[in-house]
Protein backbone atom coordinates (compact mmCIF):
# COMPACT_ATOMS: atom_id res chain seq x y z
CA MET A 1 -21.09 17.51 -35.97
CA SER A 2 -23.77 15.15 -37.24
CA ALA A 3 -26.55 13.74 -35.05
CA ALA A 4 -25.05 10.24 -35.34
CA THR A 5 -21.64 11.49 -34.18
CA SER A 6 -23.25 13.32 -31.26
CA ILE A 7 -25.12 10.19 -30.19
CA LEU A 8 -21.96 8.08 -30.46
CA LEU A 9 -19.98 10.62 -28.42
CA ALA A 10 -22.69 10.77 -25.75
CA SER A 11 -22.82 6.96 -25.58
CA CYS A 12 -19.05 6.76 -25.09
CA MET A 13 -19.22 9.34 -22.30
CA ILE A 14 -21.94 7.35 -20.51
CA VAL A 15 -19.90 4.14 -20.76
CA LEU A 16 -16.80 5.90 -19.39
CA MET A 17 -18.71 7.49 -16.50
CA THR A 18 -20.38 4.18 -15.62
CA THR A 19 -17.05 2.36 -15.66
CA ALA A 20 -15.38 5.02 -13.52
CA SER A 21 -18.16 5.09 -10.94
CA GLY A 22 -18.31 1.28 -10.86
CA SER A 23 -14.63 0.96 -10.04
CA ALA A 24 -14.89 3.64 -7.36
CA SER A 25 -17.67 1.79 -5.56
CA ALA A 26 -15.56 -1.39 -5.60
CA ASP A 27 -13.05 0.49 -3.41
CA CYS A 28 -15.63 1.77 -0.92
CA LEU A 29 -15.61 0.71 2.71
CA LYS A 30 -18.28 -1.92 3.36
CA GLU A 31 -20.78 -1.47 6.18
CA THR A 32 -21.10 -5.25 6.49
CA SER A 33 -17.39 -5.79 7.26
CA ARG A 34 -15.76 -5.62 10.70
CA SER A 35 -12.30 -5.60 9.12
CA GLU A 36 -12.23 -2.35 7.14
CA SER A 37 -9.02 -0.34 7.61
CA VAL A 38 -8.16 3.31 7.01
CA THR A 39 -5.17 5.49 7.82
CA GLY A 40 -5.22 9.12 8.80
CA GLN A 41 -4.40 11.86 11.27
CA LEU A 42 -6.30 11.51 14.57
CA ALA A 43 -7.71 14.58 16.30
CA VAL A 44 -10.34 15.51 18.87
CA ALA A 45 -13.00 17.85 17.49
CA THR A 46 -15.32 20.25 19.26
CA ALA A 47 -18.95 19.56 18.37
CA THR A 48 -22.46 19.75 19.79
CA ASP A 49 -25.36 17.32 19.87
CA ALA A 50 -28.93 18.14 18.78
CA ASP A 51 -29.59 19.88 22.11
CA GLY A 52 -26.47 22.03 21.84
CA ARG A 53 -24.51 20.07 24.46
CA PRO A 54 -20.76 19.92 23.84
CA GLU A 55 -19.16 16.72 22.60
CA ARG A 56 -15.53 15.83 21.87
CA PRO A 57 -15.54 13.26 19.04
CA TYR A 58 -12.41 11.58 17.70
CA ILE A 59 -12.09 12.46 14.03
CA LEU A 60 -9.75 10.68 11.64
CA SER A 61 -8.72 12.96 8.75
CA LEU A 62 -7.71 11.06 5.62
CA ALA A 63 -5.23 12.09 2.94
CA GLU A 64 -7.42 10.50 0.25
CA PRO A 65 -11.23 10.39 0.24
CA VAL A 66 -13.12 7.17 0.94
CA CYS A 67 -16.72 6.17 0.33
CA LEU A 68 -19.04 3.74 2.10
CA THR A 69 -21.34 1.10 0.66
CA ALA A 70 -24.20 0.56 3.09
CA SER A 71 -26.84 -2.17 3.30
CA GLU A 72 -29.46 0.37 2.21
CA PRO A 73 -28.53 2.42 -0.89
CA ASP A 74 -29.83 5.68 0.61
CA LEU A 75 -27.25 5.30 3.41
CA ASN A 76 -24.27 5.06 1.01
CA VAL A 77 -21.71 7.79 1.61
CA PRO A 78 -19.91 9.43 -1.32
CA ASP A 79 -16.28 10.47 -0.99
CA THR A 80 -15.34 11.98 2.37
CA ARG A 81 -12.03 12.70 4.07
CA GLN A 82 -13.32 12.46 7.65
CA ILE A 83 -14.39 9.51 9.77
CA HIS A 84 -15.73 9.76 13.32
CA ILE A 85 -14.14 6.90 15.27
CA TYR A 86 -14.98 5.35 18.64
CA SER A 87 -14.60 1.93 20.22
CA SER A 88 -16.85 -0.37 22.20
CA MET A 89 -13.70 -1.94 23.69
CA PRO A 90 -12.20 -0.20 26.78
CA ASP A 91 -8.57 -0.98 25.89
CA VAL A 92 -9.02 0.36 22.35
CA ARG A 93 -10.81 3.47 23.70
CA ALA A 94 -7.77 4.15 25.90
CA ALA A 95 -5.42 3.67 22.94
CA ILE A 96 -7.47 6.10 20.83
CA ALA A 97 -7.13 8.76 23.54
CA ARG A 98 -3.35 8.18 23.78
CA LEU A 99 -2.82 8.46 20.01
CA VAL A 100 -4.53 11.83 19.41
CA GLY A 101 -2.34 13.99 17.20
CA ARG A 102 -0.66 11.01 15.57
CA ARG A 103 -1.00 9.30 12.21
CA VAL A 104 -2.81 6.01 12.86
CA ARG A 105 -4.33 3.02 11.12
CA VAL A 106 -7.69 1.86 12.45
CA THR A 107 -9.60 -1.33 11.72
CA GLY A 108 -13.25 -1.89 12.48
CA GLN A 109 -16.80 -1.64 11.19
CA PRO A 110 -17.86 1.55 9.42
CA PHE A 111 -21.42 2.80 9.04
CA SER A 112 -23.28 5.91 7.90
CA ALA A 113 -23.75 8.74 10.37
CA HIS A 114 -27.38 8.74 11.47
CA THR A 115 -27.67 10.58 14.80
CA ALA A 116 -26.74 14.01 16.16
CA HIS A 117 -23.88 12.31 18.02
CA HIS A 118 -22.17 11.35 14.74
CA HIS A 119 -19.86 14.11 13.58
CA ALA A 120 -18.57 12.88 10.21
CA PRO A 121 -20.37 11.25 7.26
CA ILE A 122 -18.82 7.86 8.15
CA VAL A 123 -18.59 6.52 11.70
CA MET A 124 -16.41 3.54 12.63
CA ASP A 125 -16.53 1.25 15.66
CA VAL A 126 -12.80 0.52 15.97
CA ASP A 127 -11.49 -2.90 17.07
CA ARG A 128 -7.83 -2.07 16.50
CA ILE A 129 -5.67 1.07 16.35
CA GLU A 130 -1.95 1.34 15.69
CA LEU A 131 0.60 3.92 14.67
CA ALA A 132 0.83 4.20 10.91
CA PRO A 133 4.21 4.10 9.18
């Protein structure tokens, strides 16, 4: 293979990789949106905080991986199949507890895990939860 052919082949590979990664990021959850939705199987995990105290986070396991685009590039999350969910709303918190073990669709605002209390790469403050079809 000639040097020119090698350069052309390498250039094509770079273009293809850039196009593929660009389209993947277009499908990422957005940290700036309160209306992001995902569907998965809801479970309660056993975890510990930084001091070794037990915690029982709600973890949504997804069939397909998702990524997160954050406001700061170093907080972007590449593909993951787990999201730690919680809710600031008492009625939604109660619904989350009732739906453990079920396939659900949640809507809310995702963000990058950044404390010892976050037990998946993406965390979501859920405004709505419902059974998924």
